Amino acid sequence: MPRQRVTRRRPVHALALGAGALALTAGAAQAQPASSDLVEKGRYLATAGDCVACHTAPGGKPYAGGLYINFPGGIGKLATPNITPDKETGIGSWSDDDFKRAMHQGITKNGSYLYPAFPFPWYTRLTDEDVTALKAYLFSLEPVNAPRKPADIAFPFSIRDGLLAWRLAFFTEGRFKPDPKASDQVNRGAYLVEGPGHCGACHNGSKLVGASQWSGYLEGGTIDGWYAPNLSGDDKEGLGLWSEDQLFTYLKTGAAPGRAGVVAGPMRQVIEESLSKMSDGDVRAIAAYLKTLAPKPTYTPDVTSDFKQAATAPGADTYLNRCVACHRPDGQGMPGAIPALAGNGAVLAKGPETVIRVILGGLDAKGEYAAMPAVGVGMTDAEVAAVTNYVRQTFGNQAPPTAEPGQVATLRAETRTMLAGNAPCETVSNPTLAAALTAADAAGQLKSVKAEQMLPRIATLLPAVRQAAPQVSTADLVNGLTATYCQAADRSATGLDWPTTLGAFAGVVYGQIKTPNRAEK
């Protein structure tokens, strides 16, 4: 499936993969600096680890904290702290030892226990050198006075001293130890995945909060209303059929030639803000390590299917009415344009959460793939559940048909996207494209466009934008023009409901990019 645009929000643990820029020495986990500049090394660490994602509130200043993180099970929520060098409200008074103790032991400057929403069970594996560099970078930032927002955590979890029992059961301090039988590259990848990347925080099957060493290592699991997929070598749900090159390309770009689907959900932010900015050597090392993992199937091979007769199965009518035009009757999609549902990793996952989220929230364009409208906005919870189970049990797919209307209702309340019409319009982040759109007066030209005027107006506007920004990708063009239309349009004049209008606009832009003479035919 294409990707989902998500707001700056992380699940209980940040999803980012990241670490220092340089390779390990033989048989060791020491990150050798690319230069003598400790601050620059720390900047790379912070960018690769996507620290800013958790430590920045919506509309707030970077690293000043204030983003609320939800704990599972109704425990409550906790605001992330200010980690700028402000001495009153940040970490400006912390010594190197204070910072290392927080990273390696989960203990604050004043001696209290940190909640494992901060992934110190993984950061304990970082080298002292990497921790020192990260602190050096954070202390180079402009101090921001931003007091900690109050927590909203249910008793008895609100008592930090109670965390001692959790620590005794689930936390083991210790640095990363390389495998003497593995190559330097694989050990580097293992260090990134097991330590600074804290991949298991989302991809472990066990969801004991912060339990980095427990069962289900990278076997996939639910996290904050999304399903983080199985990363083991399993052929069905995992990475067994992926080549190392495909995995490397996916981690760098969010899509890979020859593989169904593109990045969705919070992982999209991880790739855009972290993995895509990491060195090729580090991302290649992650791919190499993941390809060494043994298969760990988590699906039920003998699951009973209600979809033996696909044409009359529950959800078939919804699929035919809402999905078949793009994904085709056989679920194969359109190569290079619409991802296949058959064999799609997100569709085959043990949990249905990602598929439900995609249906409800839509997906913006990624690479050469088109955007997907938020078709679930106009569907009932029962219809979304039925069609989710349908695509997970047809086209040769055999994922468990576990989606239920109540689950859809819960995820619907949590899914906020521009394409669904229940989140703010996105902004154009590419400065070259933003300048080209301004020069072409895109906002003015799109302000009063009705549905029937979209094709000729886009056909007129697009050449000017492309001429001014010739290197901009297909996805950036689609997403940028759609965001501009969202901001500028007179919604009452479109003649359609807003999610349908916005999805149609994105589709017309994509079609005009791929077939530029359609408006003349």
Protein backbone atom coordinates (compact mmCIF):
# COMPACT_ATOMS: atom_id res chain seq x y z
CA MET A 1 0.00 0.00 0.00
CA PRO A 2 1.13 3.60 -0.36
CA ARG A 3 2.15 5.45 2.72
CA GLN A 4 0.11 7.31 5.28
CA ARG A 5 0.83 10.88 6.13
CA VAL A 6 1.08 11.12 9.88
CA THR A 7 1.37 14.04 12.22
CA ARG A 8 4.40 14.48 14.42
CA ARG A 9 3.48 11.93 17.02
CA ARG A 10 5.17 8.79 18.23
CA PRO A 11 3.81 5.69 19.91
CA VAL A 12 4.97 4.76 23.41
CA HIS A 13 8.50 4.37 22.07
CA ALA A 14 10.05 6.33 19.23
CA LEU A 15 10.19 4.18 16.12
CA ALA A 16 13.39 5.56 14.64
CA LEU A 17 16.34 3.49 13.60
CA GLY A 18 19.56 5.36 14.09
CA ALA A 19 23.03 5.67 15.56
CA GLY A 20 26.48 7.03 14.90
CA ALA A 21 27.70 7.56 11.40
CA LEU A 22 30.67 5.24 11.21
CA ALA A 23 31.45 1.59 11.03
CA LEU A 24 32.52 -0.62 13.90
CA THR A 25 36.08 -1.68 14.32
CA ALA A 26 36.68 -5.38 13.95
CA GLY A 27 35.02 -7.30 16.74
CA ALA A 28 33.91 -4.14 18.60
CA ALA A 29 30.92 -1.81 18.77
CA GLN A 30 32.87 1.44 18.87
CA ALA A 31 31.51 4.13 16.51
CA GLN A 32 34.50 5.90 14.95
CA PRO A 33 33.78 9.57 14.24
CA ALA A 34 33.61 10.82 10.66
CA SER A 35 35.44 13.93 11.86
CA SER A 36 36.89 15.37 15.06
CA ASP A 37 33.82 17.49 15.53
CA LEU A 38 31.99 15.90 18.45
CA VAL A 39 28.97 18.14 18.00
CA GLU A 40 28.60 17.14 14.37
CA LYS A 41 28.76 13.49 15.32
CA GLY A 42 26.08 14.14 17.93
CA ARG A 43 23.93 15.94 15.37
CA TYR A 44 24.07 12.86 13.16
CA LEU A 45 23.10 10.69 16.11
CA ALA A 46 20.15 12.91 17.00
CA THR A 47 18.96 13.12 13.40
CA ALA A 48 19.39 9.40 12.81
CA GLY A 49 17.63 8.62 16.08
CA ASP A 50 14.84 11.11 15.24
CA CYS A 51 15.01 12.52 18.76
CA VAL A 52 13.21 15.65 17.61
CA ALA A 53 10.05 13.67 16.80
CA CYS A 54 9.31 12.78 20.43
CA HIS A 55 10.80 15.88 22.00
CA THR A 56 8.87 18.44 19.97
CA ALA A 57 5.24 19.33 20.62
CA PRO A 58 2.95 20.22 17.68
CA GLY A 59 3.80 23.83 16.87
CA GLY A 60 6.53 23.86 19.50
CA LYS A 61 10.24 24.49 19.29
CA PRO A 62 12.51 21.56 18.41
CA TYR A 63 13.73 19.52 21.39
CA ALA A 64 11.73 21.64 23.87
CA GLY A 65 9.45 18.69 24.70
CA GLY A 66 5.74 18.86 25.37
CA LEU A 67 4.53 16.03 23.14
CA TYR A 68 2.14 13.74 25.00
CA ILE A 69 2.96 10.04 24.70
CA ASN A 70 0.15 7.56 25.34
CA PHE A 71 0.80 4.48 27.46
CA PRO A 72 -1.03 1.27 26.49
CA GLY A 73 -3.84 -0.21 28.54
CA GLY A 74 -5.40 3.07 29.58
CA ILE A 75 -2.54 3.85 31.98
CA GLY A 76 -2.48 7.45 30.82
CA LYS A 77 -0.15 9.85 29.05
CA LEU A 78 3.15 11.54 29.71
CA ALA A 79 4.58 14.71 28.19
CA THR A 80 8.11 14.44 26.83
CA PRO A 81 10.71 16.64 28.55
CA ASN A 82 12.66 19.63 27.34
CA ILE A 83 16.14 18.44 26.32
CA THR A 84 17.55 21.80 25.25
CA PRO A 85 20.38 23.17 27.45
CA ASP A 86 18.07 25.49 29.37
CA LYS A 87 19.25 25.30 32.98
CA GLU A 88 15.85 25.94 34.54
CA THR A 89 13.52 23.71 32.50
CA GLY A 90 15.86 21.65 30.33
CA ILE A 91 19.05 19.65 30.85
CA GLY A 92 21.50 22.56 30.93
CA SER A 93 22.66 21.72 34.46
CA TRP A 94 23.27 18.03 33.68
CA SER A 95 26.84 16.76 33.76
CA ASP A 96 28.19 14.13 31.38
CA ASP A 97 27.69 11.54 34.10
CA ASP A 98 24.09 12.68 34.67
CA PHE A 99 23.34 12.28 30.98
CA LYS A 100 25.02 8.88 30.74
CA ARG A 101 23.12 7.62 33.77
CA ALA A 102 19.81 8.59 32.16
CA MET A 103 20.74 6.95 28.87
CA HIS A 104 22.31 3.81 30.31
CA GLN A 105 20.35 3.31 33.53
CA GLY A 106 17.09 5.23 33.16
CA ILE A 107 17.76 7.39 36.22
CA THR A 108 17.41 11.18 36.21
CA LYS A 109 19.78 13.79 37.59
CA ASN A 110 17.81 13.89 40.86
CA GLY A 111 17.93 10.11 41.24
CA SER A 112 14.32 9.28 40.31
CA TYR A 113 13.43 6.50 37.87
CA LEU A 114 12.53 7.35 34.28
CA TYR A 115 9.41 5.88 32.75
CA PRO A 116 10.34 3.43 29.96
CA ALA A 117 8.50 5.65 27.47
CA PHE A 118 12.09 6.87 27.19
CA PRO A 119 13.74 3.84 25.58
CA PHE A 120 16.69 3.51 27.94
CA PRO A 121 16.31 -0.31 27.91
CA TRP A 122 17.73 -0.03 24.40
CA TYR A 123 19.96 3.01 24.91
CA THR A 124 21.82 1.12 27.63
CA ARG A 125 23.60 -0.61 24.75
CA LEU A 126 25.04 2.62 23.32
CA THR A 127 28.75 3.20 23.63
CA ASP A 128 29.92 5.88 26.05
CA GLU A 129 31.42 7.74 23.09
CA ASP A 130 28.08 7.91 21.27
CA VAL A 131 26.31 9.13 24.41
CA THR A 132 28.95 11.82 24.93
CA ALA A 133 28.57 13.01 21.34
CA LEU A 134 24.79 13.16 21.60
CA LYS A 135 25.00 15.29 24.75
CA ALA A 136 27.52 17.58 23.05
CA TYR A 137 25.07 18.21 20.24
CA LEU A 138 22.10 18.82 22.53
CA PHE A 139 24.18 21.29 24.54
CA SER A 140 25.01 23.16 21.32
CA LEU A 141 21.32 23.98 20.78
CA GLU A 142 19.69 27.25 21.72
CA PRO A 143 18.24 26.97 25.25
CA VAL A 144 14.45 27.08 25.34
CA ASN A 145 12.56 27.82 28.54
CA ALA A 146 9.72 25.29 28.40
CA PRO A 147 8.45 23.86 31.70
CA ARG A 148 7.36 20.22 31.73
CA LYS A 149 3.67 19.69 31.09
CA PRO A 150 1.79 17.74 33.77
CA ALA A 151 1.48 13.98 33.43
CA ASP A 152 -1.87 12.21 33.38
CA ILE A 153 -1.02 8.72 34.64
CA ALA A 154 -3.35 6.50 36.64
CA PHE A 155 -2.48 5.39 40.18
CA PRO A 156 -0.38 3.45 41.07
CA PHE A 157 1.66 3.95 37.89
CA SER A 158 1.94 7.64 38.74
CA ILE A 159 4.29 6.75 41.62
CA ARG A 160 7.78 6.60 40.16
CA ASP A 161 9.13 4.55 43.04
CA GLY A 162 6.85 1.78 41.83
CA LEU A 163 9.00 1.52 38.72
CA LEU A 164 11.58 -0.37 40.76
CA ALA A 165 9.55 -3.57 40.46
CA TRP A 166 9.35 -3.11 36.69
CA ARG A 167 13.10 -2.53 36.49
CA LEU A 168 13.91 -5.64 38.50
CA ALA A 169 11.70 -7.73 36.23
CA PHE A 170 12.40 -6.28 32.80
CA PHE A 171 15.52 -4.11 32.67
CA THR A 172 19.12 -5.27 32.35
CA GLU A 173 21.84 -2.69 31.99
CA GLY A 174 24.68 -3.50 29.61
CA ARG A 175 26.54 -2.36 26.49
CA PHE A 176 26.22 -4.00 23.13
CA LYS A 177 28.38 -7.09 22.68
CA PRO A 178 29.26 -7.98 19.08
CA ASP A 179 28.94 -11.51 17.79
CA PRO A 180 32.48 -12.78 17.16
CA LYS A 181 31.14 -15.07 14.42
CA ALA A 182 29.47 -12.22 12.49
CA SER A 183 31.02 -9.74 10.08
CA ASP A 184 31.77 -6.15 11.05
CA GLN A 185 28.86 -5.04 8.87
CA VAL A 186 26.36 -7.38 10.53
CA ASN A 187 27.60 -6.38 13.99
CA ARG A 188 27.17 -2.73 13.03
CA GLY A 189 23.61 -3.44 11.95
CA ALA A 190 22.91 -5.35 15.15
CA TYR A 191 24.21 -2.42 17.21
CA LEU A 192 21.92 -0.01 15.40
CA VAL A 193 18.87 -2.26 15.66
CA GLU A 194 19.33 -3.48 19.22
CA GLY A 195 20.61 -0.27 20.73
CA PRO A 196 20.09 3.26 19.41
CA GLY A 197 17.49 2.13 16.90
CA HIS A 198 15.39 0.44 19.61
CA CYS A 199 13.48 -1.30 16.81
CA GLY A 200 12.06 -3.84 19.21
CA ALA A 201 10.12 -1.12 21.01
CA CYS A 202 7.61 -1.40 18.19
CA HIS A 203 8.51 -4.58 16.32
CA ASN A 204 8.83 -6.97 19.26
CA GLY A 205 5.91 -9.32 19.76
CA SER A 206 6.00 -8.73 23.51
CA LYS A 207 4.52 -5.39 24.40
CA LEU A 208 5.64 -5.22 28.01
CA VAL A 209 6.40 -1.52 28.10
CA GLY A 210 10.12 -1.00 27.63
CA ALA A 211 11.00 -4.68 27.90
CA SER A 212 13.82 -4.88 25.38
CA GLN A 213 15.04 -8.38 26.19
CA TRP A 214 11.76 -10.27 26.24
CA SER A 215 10.03 -12.72 23.94
CA GLY A 216 8.93 -11.97 20.41
CA TYR A 217 12.15 -10.32 19.23
CA LEU A 218 11.24 -8.39 16.06
CA GLU A 219 8.31 -10.74 15.40
CA GLY A 220 5.86 -7.88 14.92
CA GLY A 221 3.15 -6.46 17.11
CA THR A 222 0.58 -3.77 17.69
CA ILE A 223 1.79 -0.35 18.77
CA ASP A 224 -0.43 2.70 19.26
CA GLY A 225 -3.05 1.57 16.79
CA TRP A 226 -0.65 0.42 14.05
CA TYR A 227 0.85 -2.97 13.33
CA ALA A 228 4.63 -3.03 13.25
CA PRO A 229 5.47 -5.94 10.93
CA ASN A 230 7.48 -9.08 11.50
CA LEU A 231 11.15 -8.42 10.68
CA SER A 232 12.34 -12.02 10.99
CA GLY A 233 13.23 -14.24 8.05
CA ASP A 234 9.72 -15.68 7.77
CA ASP A 235 8.67 -16.04 4.11
CA LYS A 236 5.01 -15.25 4.74
CA GLU A 237 4.93 -12.29 7.12
CA GLY A 238 8.57 -11.38 7.48
CA LEU A 239 11.54 -10.49 5.30
CA GLY A 240 12.39 -13.98 4.06
CA LEU A 241 11.57 -13.23 0.43
CA TRP A 242 13.21 -9.79 0.45
CA SER A 243 16.70 -9.38 -0.93
CA GLU A 244 19.20 -7.27 0.97
CA ASP A 245 19.12 -4.71 -1.86
CA GLN A 246 15.33 -4.46 -1.70
CA LEU A 247 15.41 -4.00 2.05
CA PHE A 248 18.12 -1.35 1.81
CA THR A 249 16.12 0.57 -0.81
CA TYR A 250 12.94 0.33 1.26
CA LEU A 251 14.64 1.63 4.40
CA LYS A 252 16.13 4.56 2.47
CA THR A 253 13.09 5.48 0.36
CA GLY A 254 9.97 3.75 1.69
CA ALA A 255 9.48 1.59 -1.39
CA ALA A 256 11.42 -1.16 -3.13
CA PRO A 257 11.28 -2.48 -6.70
CA GLY A 258 9.74 -5.92 -6.87
CA ARG A 259 8.01 -5.70 -3.48
CA ALA A 260 4.32 -5.00 -2.99
CA GLY A 261 3.49 -1.96 -0.94
CA VAL A 262 5.22 1.14 0.37
CA VAL A 263 5.77 2.55 3.82
CA ALA A 264 2.69 3.38 5.91
CA GLY A 265 2.03 4.83 9.32
CA PRO A 266 4.67 6.09 11.75
CA MET A 267 7.43 4.24 9.87
CA ARG A 268 7.02 6.79 7.11
CA GLN A 269 8.24 9.51 9.48
CA VAL A 270 11.12 7.29 10.57
CA ILE A 271 12.27 6.92 6.98
CA GLU A 272 11.82 10.56 6.05
CA GLU A 273 13.44 12.04 9.14
CA SER A 274 15.97 9.37 10.05
CA LEU A 275 16.81 6.50 7.74
CA SER A 276 16.84 8.54 4.55
CA LYS A 277 19.39 10.87 6.15
CA MET A 278 21.65 8.16 7.50
CA SER A 279 24.75 7.04 5.67
CA ASP A 280 24.25 4.32 3.08
CA GLY A 281 26.73 2.19 5.00
CA ASP A 282 24.64 2.29 8.18
CA VAL A 283 21.38 1.51 6.40
CA ARG A 284 23.06 -1.27 4.45
CA ALA A 285 24.34 -2.68 7.75
CA ILE A 286 20.81 -2.69 9.18
CA ALA A 287 19.56 -4.54 6.11
CA ALA A 288 22.42 -7.04 6.33
CA TYR A 289 21.70 -7.74 9.99
CA LEU A 290 17.95 -8.14 9.53
CA LYS A 291 18.60 -10.64 6.75
CA THR A 292 20.47 -12.85 9.24
CA LEU A 293 17.42 -13.27 11.50
CA ALA A 294 15.90 -16.74 11.57
CA PRO A 295 12.25 -17.18 10.49
CA LYS A 296 9.75 -16.68 13.31
CA PRO A 297 6.24 -17.23 11.91
CA THR A 298 3.46 -15.66 13.96
CA TYR A 299 0.45 -16.37 11.77
CA THR A 300 -1.86 -19.35 12.27
CA PRO A 301 -1.38 -21.70 9.28
CA ASP A 302 -4.66 -23.51 9.83
CA VAL A 303 -6.82 -20.39 10.31
CA THR A 304 -10.39 -21.02 9.26
CA SER A 305 -11.36 -18.84 6.31
CA ASP A 306 -14.82 -17.51 5.55
CA PHE A 307 -13.71 -16.49 2.08
CA LYS A 308 -13.68 -19.68 0.05
CA GLN A 309 -16.12 -18.10 -2.38
CA ALA A 310 -14.58 -14.68 -2.87
CA ALA A 311 -17.43 -13.22 -4.95
CA THR A 312 -19.99 -13.76 -2.18
CA ALA A 313 -17.73 -13.31 0.85
CA PRO A 314 -18.42 -10.57 3.41
CA GLY A 315 -16.72 -7.42 2.20
CA ALA A 316 -16.74 -8.45 -1.47
CA ASP A 317 -19.42 -5.92 -2.39
CA THR A 318 -17.54 -3.13 -0.64
CA TYR A 319 -14.34 -4.12 -2.41
CA LEU A 320 -16.09 -4.05 -5.78
CA ASN A 321 -17.65 -0.65 -5.08
CA ARG A 322 -14.71 1.07 -3.43
CA CYS A 323 -11.45 -0.65 -4.30
CA VAL A 324 -11.56 -2.66 -7.50
CA ALA A 325 -11.00 0.27 -9.88
CA CYS A 326 -7.47 0.73 -8.58
CA HIS A 327 -6.53 -2.58 -6.99
CA ARG A 328 -8.22 -4.69 -9.72
CA PRO A 329 -10.39 -7.79 -9.28
CA ASP A 330 -7.35 -9.98 -8.67
CA GLY A 331 -5.80 -7.65 -6.09
CA GLN A 332 -2.71 -7.12 -8.25
CA GLY A 333 -3.00 -3.34 -8.47
CA MET A 334 -1.16 -1.53 -11.23
CA PRO A 335 2.59 -2.14 -11.37
CA GLY A 336 4.50 1.02 -10.55
CA ALA A 337 1.34 2.99 -9.77
CA ILE A 338 -1.01 1.13 -7.39
CA PRO A 339 0.48 -1.43 -4.96
CA ALA A 340 -0.78 -4.98 -5.06
CA LEU A 341 -2.86 -6.29 -2.18
CA ALA A 342 -1.91 -9.87 -3.03
CA GLY A 343 1.19 -10.72 -1.04
CA ASN A 344 1.41 -7.22 0.47
CA GLY A 345 3.29 -7.34 3.77
CA ALA A 346 0.98 -4.85 5.49
CA VAL A 347 -2.06 -6.87 4.39
CA LEU A 348 -0.53 -10.16 5.51
CA ALA A 349 0.48 -8.93 8.96
CA LYS A 350 -0.87 -10.72 11.99
CA GLY A 351 -2.87 -7.64 13.02
CA PRO A 352 -5.29 -5.68 10.78
CA GLU A 353 -4.55 -2.25 12.25
CA THR A 354 -2.45 -0.87 9.40
CA VAL A 355 -4.98 -1.88 6.74
CA ILE A 356 -7.80 -0.28 8.72
CA ARG A 357 -5.80 2.92 9.19
CA VAL A 358 -5.02 3.11 5.48
CA ILE A 359 -8.68 2.69 4.54
CA LEU A 360 -9.76 5.36 7.02
CA GLY A 361 -7.00 7.90 6.51
CA GLY A 362 -5.86 7.46 2.94
CA LEU A 363 -2.22 7.70 1.89
CA ASP A 364 -0.31 10.38 0.09
CA ALA A 365 1.93 9.60 -2.86
CA LYS A 366 5.25 7.83 -2.40
CA GLY A 367 7.97 7.45 -5.02
CA GLU A 368 6.18 6.64 -8.27
CA TYR A 369 3.04 5.37 -6.50
CA ALA A 370 -0.21 7.32 -6.57
CA ALA A 371 -1.98 8.68 -3.52
CA MET A 372 -4.89 6.71 -2.06
CA PRO A 373 -8.08 8.54 -1.11
CA ALA A 374 -9.55 8.11 2.36
CA VAL A 375 -12.30 5.81 1.13
CA GLY A 376 -13.22 4.71 4.64
CA VAL A 377 -14.59 8.15 5.53
CA GLY A 378 -17.79 7.31 3.68
CA MET A 379 -18.03 3.73 4.96
CA THR A 380 -19.54 2.31 8.11
CA ASP A 381 -17.37 0.62 10.70
CA ALA A 382 -18.87 -2.73 9.70
CA GLU A 383 -18.03 -2.13 6.03
CA VAL A 384 -14.43 -1.21 6.86
CA ALA A 385 -14.04 -4.32 9.04
CA ALA A 386 -15.56 -6.57 6.37
CA VAL A 387 -13.43 -5.26 3.50
CA THR A 388 -10.32 -5.42 5.68
CA ASN A 389 -10.95 -9.09 6.36
CA TYR A 390 -11.79 -9.62 2.70
CA VAL A 391 -8.47 -8.35 1.35
CA ARG A 392 -6.59 -10.24 4.06
CA GLN A 393 -8.25 -13.52 3.06
CA THR A 394 -8.47 -13.38 -0.74
CA PHE A 395 -6.03 -13.07 -3.65
CA GLY A 396 -4.07 -15.93 -2.07
CA ASN A 397 -3.69 -14.04 1.22
CA GLN A 398 -4.25 -16.01 4.41
CA ALA A 399 -3.98 -13.45 7.19
CA PRO A 400 -6.32 -13.93 10.16
CA PRO A 401 -9.73 -12.24 9.58
CA THR A 402 -9.76 -10.47 12.95
CA ALA A 403 -10.98 -6.96 12.13
CA GLU A 404 -14.17 -6.01 13.98
CA PRO A 405 -16.43 -2.92 13.83
CA GLY A 406 -15.53 -1.91 17.39
CA GLN A 407 -11.86 -1.92 16.53
CA VAL A 408 -12.58 0.19 13.45
CA ALA A 409 -14.51 2.69 15.56
CA THR A 410 -11.58 3.06 17.94
CA LEU A 411 -9.07 3.54 15.13
CA ARG A 412 -11.39 5.93 13.30
CA ALA A 413 -11.39 8.22 16.33
CA GLU A 414 -7.57 8.16 16.36
CA THR A 415 -6.94 8.55 12.63
CA ARG A 416 -6.39 12.16 11.64
CA THR A 417 -5.10 12.94 8.14
CA MET A 418 -5.41 15.68 5.57
CA LEU A 419 -6.92 13.28 3.05
CA ALA A 420 -9.60 12.25 5.54
CA GLY A 421 -10.50 15.90 5.99
CA ASN A 422 -10.10 15.84 9.78
CA ALA A 423 -6.55 17.19 10.09
CA PRO A 424 -4.91 20.47 9.02
CA CYS A 425 -3.68 20.83 5.47
CA GLU A 426 -0.07 19.81 5.08
CA THR A 427 2.68 22.19 4.11
CA VAL A 428 5.13 21.92 1.23
CA SER A 429 8.45 21.01 2.78
CA ASN A 430 10.53 20.97 -0.41
CA PRO A 431 11.78 24.58 -0.77
CA THR A 432 12.31 24.30 -4.54
CA LEU A 433 8.78 23.06 -5.08
CA ALA A 434 7.35 25.65 -2.68
CA ALA A 435 9.04 28.44 -4.66
CA ALA A 436 7.80 26.98 -7.96
CA LEU A 437 4.21 26.78 -6.68
CA THR A 438 4.38 30.37 -5.48
CA ALA A 439 5.82 31.59 -8.78
CA ALA A 440 3.04 29.81 -10.70
CA ASP A 441 0.38 31.26 -8.36
CA ALA A 442 -0.85 27.74 -7.73
CA ALA A 443 -2.95 28.78 -4.74
CA GLY A 444 -4.72 31.45 -6.77
CA GLN A 445 -5.37 29.14 -9.72
CA LEU A 446 -6.76 26.38 -7.51
CA LYS A 447 -8.90 28.51 -5.20
CA SER A 448 -12.26 28.09 -6.92
CA VAL A 449 -11.71 24.87 -8.88
CA LYS A 450 -14.75 22.59 -9.06
CA ALA A 451 -14.47 18.87 -9.65
CA GLU A 452 -15.13 19.14 -13.38
CA GLN A 453 -12.46 21.85 -13.73
CA MET A 454 -9.65 19.93 -12.08
CA LEU A 455 -8.17 18.27 -15.17
CA PRO A 456 -7.87 21.34 -17.43
CA ARG A 457 -6.64 23.55 -14.58
CA ILE A 458 -3.99 21.05 -13.50
CA ALA A 459 -2.97 20.50 -17.13
CA THR A 460 -2.31 24.24 -17.40
CA LEU A 461 -0.58 24.62 -14.05
CA LEU A 462 1.62 21.55 -13.98
CA PRO A 463 4.03 22.40 -16.86
CA ALA A 464 4.96 25.71 -15.25
CA VAL A 465 5.63 24.07 -11.90
CA ARG A 466 7.69 21.29 -13.45
CA GLN A 467 9.72 23.75 -15.50
CA ALA A 468 10.60 25.71 -12.37
CA ALA A 469 11.33 22.55 -10.35
CA PRO A 470 12.47 19.91 -12.86
CA GLN A 471 14.16 17.65 -10.29
CA VAL A 472 11.16 17.33 -7.99
CA SER A 473 9.83 13.78 -7.73
CA THR A 474 6.42 12.58 -8.80
CA ALA A 475 5.37 12.05 -5.19
CA ASP A 476 6.46 15.54 -4.14
CA LEU A 477 4.54 17.07 -7.04
CA VAL A 478 1.37 15.16 -6.18
CA ASN A 479 1.62 15.83 -2.46
CA GLY A 480 2.69 19.46 -2.89
CA LEU A 481 -0.11 20.37 -5.28
CA THR A 482 -2.65 18.50 -3.16
CA ALA A 483 -1.52 20.34 -0.02
CA THR A 484 -1.70 23.66 -1.89
CA TYR A 485 -5.20 22.86 -3.11
CA CYS A 486 -6.22 21.87 0.40
CA GLN A 487 -5.04 25.23 1.74
CA ALA A 488 -6.49 27.37 -1.04
CA ALA A 489 -9.73 25.69 -2.14
CA ASP A 490 -13.19 27.04 -1.53
CA ARG A 491 -14.55 23.77 -0.19
CA SER A 492 -18.17 24.78 -0.62
CA ALA A 493 -17.66 25.21 -4.36
CA THR A 494 -16.25 21.78 -5.18
CA GLY A 495 -19.58 19.98 -5.56
CA LEU A 496 -18.40 16.90 -3.62
CA ASP A 497 -17.68 16.05 -0.01
CA TRP A 498 -14.20 17.19 0.95
CA PRO A 499 -12.37 13.84 1.37
CA THR A 500 -13.71 12.68 -2.00
CA THR A 501 -12.71 15.99 -3.58
CA LEU A 502 -9.20 15.92 -2.18
CA GLY A 503 -8.65 12.28 -3.14
CA ALA A 504 -9.93 12.98 -6.66
CA PHE A 505 -7.63 15.99 -6.98
CA ALA A 506 -4.57 13.94 -5.99
CA GLY A 507 -5.58 11.29 -8.51
CA VAL A 508 -5.97 13.81 -11.31
CA VAL A 509 -2.56 15.33 -10.58
CA TYR A 510 -0.94 11.90 -10.63
CA GLY A 511 -2.69 10.94 -13.85
CA GLN A 512 -1.68 14.17 -15.53
CA ILE A 513 1.95 13.68 -14.53
CA LYS A 514 1.94 10.16 -15.96
CA THR A 515 -0.22 10.98 -19.02
CA PRO A 516 0.34 14.70 -19.67
CA ASN A 517 -1.88 14.95 -22.76
CA ARG A 518 -5.08 13.55 -21.25
CA ALA A 519 -6.70 16.97 -21.04
CA GLU A 520 -6.45 17.36 -24.81
CA LYS A 521 -8.08 14.02 -25.66
